[in-house]
C-alpha atoms as a PDB file:
ATOM      1  CA  UNK A   1       0.103   0.045   0.114  1.00  0.00           C
ATOM      2  CA  UNK A   2       1.369   3.389  -0.813  1.00  0.00           C
ATOM      3  CA  UNK A   3       1.305   6.234   1.803  1.00  0.00           C
ATOM      4  CA  UNK A   4       0.972  10.026   0.509  1.00  0.00           C
ATOM      5  CA  UNK A   5       1.013  12.725   2.966  1.00  0.00           C
ATOM      6  CA  UNK A   6       1.527  16.315   3.147  1.00  0.00           C
ATOM      7  CA  UNK A   7       2.424  17.952   6.723  1.00  0.00           C
ATOM      8  CA  UNK A   8       2.560  20.700   8.037  1.00  0.00           C
ATOM      9  CA  UNK A   9       2.879  23.132  11.325  1.00  0.00           C
ATOM     10  CA  UNK A  10      -0.057  24.461  12.908  1.00  0.00           C
ATOM     11  CA  UNK A  11      -0.536  28.546  12.340  1.00  0.00           C
ATOM     12  CA  UNK A  12      -2.293  29.057  16.024  1.00  0.00           C
ATOM     13  CA  UNK A  13      -1.010  27.973  19.368  1.00  0.00           C
ATOM     14  CA  UNK A  14      -4.367  28.546  20.040  1.00  0.00           C
ATOM     15  CA  UNK A  15      -6.173  25.173  20.154  1.00  0.00           C
ATOM     16  CA  UNK A  16      -9.168  25.682  21.621  1.00  0.00           C
ATOM     17  CA  UNK A  17     -10.612  24.420  18.579  1.00  0.00           C
ATOM     18  CA  UNK A  18      -9.665  21.094  19.641  1.00  0.00           C
ATOM     19  CA  UNK A  19     -11.560  20.790  22.856  1.00  0.00           C
ATOM     20  CA  UNK A  20     -14.843  19.615  21.429  1.00  0.00           C
ATOM     21  CA  UNK A  21     -12.821  16.843  20.158  1.00  0.00           C
ATOM     22  CA  UNK A  22     -11.551  13.312  21.742  1.00  0.00           C
ATOM     23  CA  UNK A  23      -7.953  12.801  21.649  1.00  0.00           C
ATOM     24  CA  UNK A  24      -6.495   9.462  21.200  1.00  0.00           C
ATOM     25  CA  UNK A  25      -2.772   8.372  23.078  1.00  0.00           C
ATOM     26  CA  UNK A  26      -0.419   7.462  20.879  1.00  0.00           C
ATOM     27  CA  UNK A  27       2.938   5.747  21.627  1.00  0.00           C
ATOM     28  CA  UNK A  28       5.265   4.956  19.662  1.00  0.00           C
ATOM     29  CA  UNK A  29       9.123   3.108  19.079  1.00  0.00           C
ATOM     30  CA  UNK A  30      11.003   2.216  16.146  1.00  0.00           C
ATOM     31  CA  UNK A  31      12.687  -1.326  15.918  1.00  0.00           C
ATOM     32  CA  UNK A  32      14.524  -0.105  12.956  1.00  0.00           C
ATOM     33  CA  UNK A  33      15.107   3.385  11.677  1.00  0.00           C
ATOM     34  CA  UNK A  34      17.102   4.203   8.816  1.00  0.00           C
ATOM     35  CA  UNK A  35      16.436   6.509   6.611  1.00  0.00           C
ATOM     36  CA  UNK A  36      15.123   4.384   3.455  1.00  0.00           C
ATOM     37  CA  UNK A  37      13.147   1.914   6.229  1.00  0.00           C
ATOM     38  CA  UNK A  38      11.420   1.936   9.703  1.00  0.00           C
ATOM     39  CA  UNK A  39       9.963  -0.818  11.752  1.00  0.00           C
ATOM     40  CA  UNK A  40       7.142   1.341  14.281  1.00  0.00           C
ATOM     41  CA  UNK A  41       5.874  -0.559  17.283  1.00  0.00           C
ATOM     42  CA  UNK A  42       2.617   2.082  17.788  1.00  0.00           C
ATOM     43  CA  UNK A  43       0.201   1.919  20.896  1.00  0.00           C
ATOM     44  CA  UNK A  44      -3.207   4.325  19.492  1.00  0.00           C
ATOM     45  CA  UNK A  45      -5.956   4.087  22.080  1.00  0.00           C
ATOM     46  CA  UNK A  46      -6.865   0.648  22.829  1.00  0.00           C
ATOM     47  CA  UNK A  47      -5.457  -1.009  19.172  1.00  0.00           C
ATOM     48  CA  UNK A  48      -1.712  -1.180  18.534  1.00  0.00           C
ATOM     49  CA  UNK A  49      -0.101  -1.840  15.256  1.00  0.00           C
ATOM     50  CA  UNK A  50       3.214  -2.895  13.522  1.00  0.00           C
ATOM     51  CA  UNK A  51       4.277  -0.747  10.544  1.00  0.00           C
ATOM     52  CA  UNK A  52       6.852  -1.124   8.190  1.00  0.00           C
ATOM     53  CA  UNK A  53       7.049   1.461   5.616  1.00  0.00           C
ATOM     54  CA  UNK A  54       9.822   2.014   2.976  1.00  0.00           C
ATOM     55  CA  UNK A  55      11.090   5.208   0.693  1.00  0.00           C
ATOM     56  CA  UNK A  56      13.265   7.960   0.972  1.00  0.00           C
ATOM     57  CA  UNK A  57      10.508  10.323  -0.028  1.00  0.00           C
ATOM     58  CA  UNK A  58       8.516  11.633   2.812  1.00  0.00           C
ATOM     59  CA  UNK A  59       5.258  12.753   0.546  1.00  0.00           C
ATOM     60  CA  UNK A  60       5.003   9.336  -0.677  1.00  0.00           C
ATOM     61  CA  UNK A  61       6.309   5.717   0.884  1.00  0.00           C
ATOM     62  CA  UNK A  62       5.238   2.127   0.538  1.00  0.00           C
ATOM     63  CA  UNK A  63       3.403   1.114   3.794  1.00  0.00           C
ATOM     64  CA  UNK A  64       2.260  -1.985   5.725  1.00  0.00           C
ATOM     65  CA  UNK A  65       0.389  -2.075   8.706  1.00  0.00           C
ATOM     66  CA  UNK A  66      -0.591  -4.972  10.803  1.00  0.00           C
ATOM     67  CA  UNK A  67      -2.789  -4.665  13.833  1.00  0.00           C
ATOM     68  CA  UNK A  68      -1.129  -6.454  16.645  1.00  0.00           C
ATOM     69  CA  UNK A  69      -2.433  -6.795  20.976  1.00  0.00           C
ATOM     70  CA  UNK A  70      -1.418  -3.859  22.864  1.00  0.00           C
ATOM     71  CA  UNK A  71       0.251  -6.310  25.177  1.00  0.00           C
ATOM     72  CA  UNK A  72       2.333  -7.270  22.841  1.00  0.00           C
ATOM     73  CA  UNK A  73       3.315  -4.294  21.570  1.00  0.00           C
ATOM     74  CA  UNK A  74       4.077  -2.387  24.981  1.00  0.00           C
ATOM     75  CA  UNK A  75       5.985  -5.752  25.932  1.00  0.00           C
ATOM     76  CA  UNK A  76       7.918  -5.019  22.401  1.00  0.00           C
ATOM     77  CA  UNK A  77       8.711  -1.624  23.662  1.00  0.00           C
ATOM     78  CA  UNK A  78      10.214  -2.097  27.227  1.00  0.00           C
ATOM     79  CA  UNK A  79      11.924  -5.648  26.579  1.00  0.00           C
ATOM     80  CA  UNK A  80      13.788  -4.161  23.370  1.00  0.00           C
ATOM     81  CA  UNK A  81      14.027  -0.773  25.604  1.00  0.00           C
ATOM     82  CA  UNK A  82      13.053   1.609  22.953  1.00  0.00           C
ATOM     83  CA  UNK A  83      12.440   5.351  23.227  1.00  0.00           C
ATOM     84  CA  UNK A  84       8.904   5.813  22.935  1.00  0.00           C
ATOM     85  CA  UNK A  85       7.288   9.096  21.222  1.00  0.00           C
ATOM     86  CA  UNK A  86       3.990  10.386  22.554  1.00  0.00           C
ATOM     87  CA  UNK A  87       1.382  12.515  21.644  1.00  0.00           C
ATOM     88  CA  UNK A  88      -2.402  13.100  21.492  1.00  0.00           C
ATOM     89  CA  UNK A  89      -3.644  12.622  17.791  1.00  0.00           C
ATOM     90  CA  UNK A  90      -7.124  14.431  17.138  1.00  0.00           C
ATOM     91  CA  UNK A  91      -9.044  14.099  14.077  1.00  0.00           C
ATOM     92  CA  UNK A  92     -10.813  16.827  12.073  1.00  0.00           C
ATOM     93  CA  UNK A  93     -12.776  16.400   8.832  1.00  0.00           C
ATOM     94  CA  UNK A  94     -12.420  19.614   6.538  1.00  0.00           C
ATOM     95  CA  UNK A  95     -13.841  20.028   3.182  1.00  0.00           C
ATOM     96  CA  UNK A  96     -14.023  16.019   3.094  1.00  0.00           C
ATOM     97  CA  UNK A  97     -10.302  15.569   3.879  1.00  0.00           C
ATOM     98  CA  UNK A  98      -9.748  13.713   7.267  1.00  0.00           C
ATOM     99  CA  UNK A  99      -6.686  16.010   9.168  1.00  0.00           C
ATOM    100  CA  UNK A 100      -4.881  14.604  11.957  1.00  0.00           C
ATOM    101  CA  UNK A 101      -3.630  16.624  14.294  1.00  0.00           C
ATOM    102  CA  UNK A 102      -0.172  15.247  16.657  1.00  0.00           C
ATOM    103  CA  UNK A 103       0.237  17.579  19.913  1.00  0.00           C
ATOM    104  CA  UNK A 104       3.487  16.393  20.841  1.00  0.00           C
ATOM    105  CA  UNK A 105       4.705  15.662  24.377  1.00  0.00           C
ATOM    106  CA  UNK A 106       7.511  15.496  27.108  1.00  0.00           C
ATOM    107  CA  UNK A 107      10.776  16.660  25.146  1.00  0.00           C
ATOM    108  CA  UNK A 108       8.923  17.334  22.456  1.00  0.00           C
ATOM    109  CA  UNK A 109       6.300  19.634  23.984  1.00  0.00           C
ATOM    110  CA  UNK A 110       4.692  22.688  22.206  1.00  0.00           C
ATOM    111  CA  UNK A 111       5.518  21.000  18.722  1.00  0.00           C
ATOM    112  CA  UNK A 112       2.090  20.418  16.631  1.00  0.00           C
ATOM    113  CA  UNK A 113       1.573  19.152  13.178  1.00  0.00           C
ATOM    114  CA  UNK A 114      -0.922  18.349  11.262  1.00  0.00           C
ATOM    115  CA  UNK A 115      -0.892  16.024   8.276  1.00  0.00           C
ATOM    116  CA  UNK A 116      -3.333  14.829   5.700  1.00  0.00           C
ATOM    117  CA  UNK A 117      -3.037  11.324   3.320  1.00  0.00           C
ATOM    118  CA  UNK A 118      -4.198  11.656  -0.156  1.00  0.00           C
ATOM    119  CA  UNK A 119      -5.121   9.634  -2.716  1.00  0.00           C
ATOM    120  CA  UNK A 120      -2.417  10.947  -4.923  1.00  0.00           C
ATOM    121  CA  UNK A 121       0.538  13.028  -4.865  1.00  0.00           C
ATOM    122  CA  UNK A 122      -1.184  16.150  -7.108  1.00  0.00           C
ATOM    123  CA  UNK A 123      -5.119  15.768  -5.207  1.00  0.00           C
ATOM    124  CA  UNK A 124      -5.964  18.804  -4.845  1.00  0.00           C
ATOM    125  CA  UNK A 125      -7.361  20.401  -1.235  1.00  0.00           C
ATOM    126  CA  UNK A 126      -8.571  22.694   0.741  1.00  0.00           C
ATOM    127  CA  UNK A 127      -6.389  23.887   4.128  1.00  0.00           C
ATOM    128  CA  UNK A 128      -8.029  24.870   6.891  1.00  0.00           C
ATOM    129  CA  UNK A 129      -7.082  28.677   8.509  1.00  0.00           C
ATOM    130  CA  UNK A 130      -4.991  27.025  11.131  1.00  0.00           C
ATOM    131  CA  UNK A 131      -2.456  25.515   9.030  1.00  0.00           C
ATOM    132  CA  UNK A 132       0.751  27.004   8.447  1.00  0.00           C
ATOM    133  CA  UNK A 133       4.158  26.286   7.213  1.00  0.00           C
ATOM    134  CA  UNK A 134       3.959  23.317   4.893  1.00  0.00           C
ATOM    135  CA  UNK A 135       7.260  20.898   6.441  1.00  0.00           C
ATOM    136  CA  UNK A 136       6.198  17.263   4.222  1.00  0.00           C
ATOM    137  CA  UNK A 137      10.208  17.625   2.589  1.00  0.00           C
ATOM    138  CA  UNK A 138      12.158  18.457   5.948  1.00  0.00           C
ATOM    139  CA  UNK A 139      12.926  15.328   7.390  1.00  0.00           C
ATOM    140  CA  UNK A 140      13.167  16.598  10.873  1.00  0.00           C
ATOM    141  CA  UNK A 141       9.434  16.383  11.181  1.00  0.00           C
ATOM    142  CA  UNK A 142       9.266  12.966  10.378  1.00  0.00           C
ATOM    143  CA  UNK A 143       8.338  10.725  13.776  1.00  0.00           C
ATOM    144  CA  UNK A 144      10.928   8.709  12.588  1.00  0.00           C
ATOM    145  CA  UNK A 145      13.452  12.097  13.533  1.00  0.00           C
ATOM    146  CA  UNK A 146      11.708  13.588  16.338  1.00  0.00           C
ATOM    147  CA  UNK A 147      12.181  10.235  18.173  1.00  0.00           C
ATOM    148  CA  UNK A 148      15.796  10.673  17.831  1.00  0.00           C
ATOM    149  CA  UNK A 149      15.703  14.058  20.265  1.00  0.00           C
ATOM    150  CA  UNK A 150      14.081  12.248  22.844  1.00  0.00           C
END
C-alpha cells in the first residue's frame, strides 16, 4: 500500500478548536529506523500496530501496517528498551478530507503537526485556516527523526 501524506505546522498555537474533539493517546517506538525504511510499533488508544515504511520520499512511501495485541506492543517496547514518542492525535474532517493533528508531549512538548493523507500526490485539497508552513519535505519533522530528540 502506498502512503501519500502532506505535513504542516499549525499556524496558531491556540488549540481551543480541539476542545470539542476527543484525542487518542499514541505511543510509538522504532525497532528499525533508517533513512529508507522504518519498522514502528504503535499503540493508539485501545489498539496497537506494527508498521513497516519503505522509501526515502517523505511525500509518498510504501507502507504495510498490521494490527497486533496492545500487550505485545508494550512488551516489545519494554523488552527492546526502545525510546518511546508520546503524542495526542485529534482527527478533524475539513472539506471532505481527514486532518490528523498531533500534539507532542515530553521533550517534544510545544510541537504541533497536522497531516493529511491523499489518494495521489497531485490531489487538490483545501487547507483549514489553522494550517501553517508545509514541512512535508523537511526530514526533521518525520516521527522517525523526532524520536532521536528524546
